[in-house]
Amino acid sequence: MEKMEEKIWGVYNTFDNPEEAEKAEEVDIWKSIDTLGGSIFWAIHDAGKPWASNVSSQELINAQYNLEYLVYSTRRFGVEFSKEPSATEHVERSESYNKWFQFWHNHFNSMDRKTYNQFIEDKSNGKDISKYMPSGGWKDSLGKPVQKKLK
């Protein structure tokens, strides 16, 4: 009988190629978290509405496992979490994680649409993207209040 893998939040995932996620660059992890988190939010928000896509509860659970796997993988960028992953508790978004996420969120939201699209195109084509990257790092914001951008 095959042993079933324990489903631990932050560790278990349903990615077809988890090695790809493990090797992903910091900016790609942020983009994946932002996109997947938004997709989960809208799938739940629109559930039951006529225009909603038919997303099964199992698909949502798998997406949440994948999201928390990506969130917990930010440890390799210096993000700290106060608790170890658990099968019974979701990954807690620490202050460190929130600063990391907000750093990247603010950086990309400060770009105009044309620049952002050029960044995506250059990254997709394997071009040098250093000119699009922020100066400094997310840890520079530790100990400072998070600045929210007003629109």
Protein backbone atom coordinates (compact mmCIF):
# COMPACT_ATOMS: atom_id res chain seq x y z
CA MET A 1 0.00 0.00 0.00
CA GLU A 2 1.33 3.42 -0.98
CA LYS A 3 1.91 5.84 1.90
CA MET A 4 -0.13 9.03 1.59
CA GLU A 5 1.79 12.30 1.86
CA GLU A 6 0.77 14.41 4.86
CA LYS A 7 -0.74 17.69 3.75
CA ILE A 8 1.12 20.34 5.73
CA TRP A 9 0.31 24.00 5.00
CA GLY A 10 3.42 25.66 3.55
CA VAL A 11 5.07 22.36 2.62
CA TYR A 12 2.53 20.37 0.59
CA ASN A 13 1.75 21.54 -2.94
CA THR A 14 0.06 20.28 -6.08
CA PHE A 15 2.34 21.91 -8.63
CA ASP A 16 3.11 19.76 -11.67
CA ASN A 17 6.76 20.71 -11.34
CA PRO A 18 7.57 21.76 -7.74
CA GLU A 19 11.30 21.94 -8.56
CA GLU A 20 10.51 24.89 -10.82
CA ALA A 21 8.97 26.79 -7.90
CA GLU A 22 11.96 25.92 -5.72
CA LYS A 23 14.33 27.46 -8.28
CA ALA A 24 12.19 30.49 -9.13
CA GLU A 25 13.66 33.95 -8.70
CA GLU A 26 12.37 36.23 -5.96
CA VAL A 27 10.43 38.44 -8.36
CA ASP A 28 8.75 35.36 -9.89
CA ILE A 29 7.72 34.08 -6.46
CA TRP A 30 6.19 37.47 -5.65
CA LYS A 31 4.33 37.60 -8.98
CA SER A 32 3.03 34.03 -8.45
CA ILE A 33 1.84 34.81 -4.90
CA ASP A 34 0.15 38.01 -6.07
CA THR A 35 -1.57 36.29 -9.00
CA LEU A 36 -2.59 33.12 -7.16
CA GLY A 37 -3.82 35.06 -4.12
CA GLY A 38 -5.93 37.27 -6.36
CA SER A 39 -7.34 34.28 -8.22
CA ILE A 40 -8.36 32.59 -4.96
CA PHE A 41 -9.93 35.81 -3.67
CA TRP A 42 -12.01 36.35 -6.80
CA ALA A 43 -13.04 32.69 -7.06
CA ILE A 44 -14.41 32.86 -3.51
CA HIS A 45 -15.85 36.36 -3.94
CA ASP A 46 -17.69 35.48 -7.16
CA ALA A 47 -18.82 32.00 -6.10
CA GLY A 48 -22.47 31.50 -6.88
CA LYS A 49 -22.69 34.45 -9.24
CA PRO A 50 -23.80 33.82 -12.82
CA TRP A 51 -20.47 34.91 -14.32
CA ALA A 52 -18.37 32.87 -11.91
CA SER A 53 -16.14 30.17 -13.30
CA ASN A 54 -16.90 26.74 -11.98
CA VAL A 55 -14.07 26.19 -9.52
CA SER A 56 -14.50 23.16 -7.31
CA SER A 57 -13.82 23.32 -3.61
CA GLN A 58 -10.97 20.82 -4.13
CA GLU A 59 -9.40 23.15 -6.72
CA LEU A 60 -9.62 26.03 -4.24
CA ILE A 61 -8.05 23.92 -1.49
CA ASN A 62 -5.22 22.89 -3.83
CA ALA A 63 -4.70 26.53 -4.84
CA GLN A 64 -4.50 27.50 -1.15
CA TYR A 65 -1.90 24.76 -0.52
CA ASN A 66 0.11 26.09 -3.46
CA LEU A 67 -0.19 29.69 -2.27
CA GLU A 68 0.97 28.83 1.22
CA TYR A 69 3.82 26.74 -0.21
CA LEU A 70 4.99 29.82 -2.14
CA VAL A 71 4.54 32.10 0.88
CA TYR A 72 6.61 29.79 3.10
CA SER A 73 9.25 29.43 0.39
CA THR A 74 10.09 33.13 0.83
CA ARG A 75 12.32 32.04 3.73
CA ARG A 76 15.10 31.68 1.17
CA PHE A 77 14.91 35.46 0.65
CA GLY A 78 15.32 36.13 4.37
CA VAL A 79 11.65 36.19 5.36
CA GLU A 80 11.09 34.88 8.88
CA PHE A 81 8.11 32.99 10.26
CA SER A 82 7.44 32.48 13.96
CA LYS A 83 5.81 29.05 13.57
CA GLU A 84 6.77 25.86 11.79
CA PRO A 85 4.34 24.58 9.14
CA SER A 86 1.46 22.50 10.41
CA ALA A 87 -1.24 20.26 9.00
CA THR A 88 -3.81 22.01 11.20
CA GLU A 89 -2.88 25.71 10.86
CA HIS A 90 -2.40 27.95 7.85
CA VAL A 91 0.94 29.69 7.37
CA GLU A 92 0.82 32.85 9.44
CA ARG A 93 1.77 35.98 7.51
CA SER A 94 4.54 37.43 9.67
CA GLU A 95 5.60 41.07 9.83
CA SER A 96 8.70 40.04 7.91
CA TYR A 97 6.58 38.43 5.16
CA ASN A 98 4.25 41.43 5.00
CA LYS A 99 7.24 43.79 4.56
CA TRP A 100 8.68 41.56 1.82
CA PHE A 101 5.36 41.36 -0.02
CA GLN A 102 4.66 45.10 0.31
CA PHE A 103 8.17 45.96 -0.93
CA TRP A 104 7.57 44.15 -4.21
CA HIS A 105 3.95 45.29 -4.44
CA ASN A 106 4.93 48.94 -4.05
CA HIS A 107 7.79 48.54 -6.52
CA PHE A 108 5.63 47.16 -9.33
CA ASN A 109 2.72 49.46 -8.60
CA SER A 110 5.05 52.44 -8.95
CA MET A 111 5.73 51.48 -12.58
CA ASP A 112 3.49 52.84 -15.30
CA ARG A 113 1.68 50.21 -17.38
CA LYS A 114 4.00 50.61 -20.39
CA THR A 115 7.14 50.07 -18.29
CA TYR A 116 5.61 47.10 -16.48
CA ASN A 117 4.58 45.47 -19.76
CA GLN A 118 8.09 46.02 -21.14
CA PHE A 119 9.53 44.42 -18.00
CA ILE A 120 7.29 41.36 -18.48
CA GLU A 121 8.23 41.11 -22.14
CA ASP A 122 11.97 41.47 -21.46
CA LYS A 123 11.82 38.91 -18.63
CA SER A 124 9.89 36.46 -20.83
CA ASN A 125 12.49 36.85 -23.58
CA GLY A 126 15.40 36.25 -21.20
CA LYS A 127 16.72 39.81 -21.48
CA ASP A 128 18.54 41.67 -18.74
CA ILE A 129 15.91 43.07 -16.38
CA SER A 130 18.21 44.78 -13.88
CA LYS A 131 17.02 48.24 -14.97
CA TYR A 132 13.50 47.32 -13.77
CA MET A 133 14.62 46.06 -10.36
CA PRO A 134 14.44 48.20 -7.24
CA SER A 135 17.52 49.76 -5.72
CA GLY A 136 17.95 48.46 -2.21
CA GLY A 137 16.12 45.52 -0.78
CA TRP A 138 13.02 44.68 1.17
CA LYS A 139 14.94 44.41 4.45
CA ASP A 140 15.61 48.15 4.26
CA SER A 141 11.94 48.62 5.21
CA LEU A 142 12.13 46.53 8.39
CA GLY A 143 11.26 48.56 11.45
CA LYS A 144 9.54 51.22 9.31
CA PRO A 145 5.78 51.49 8.91
CA VAL A 146 4.41 50.12 5.65
CA GLN A 147 3.64 52.97 3.25
CA LYS A 148 0.46 52.40 1.33
CA LYS A 149 0.21 54.10 -2.03
CA LEU A 150 -2.77 56.39 -2.45
CA LYS A 151 -4.47 56.34 -5.80
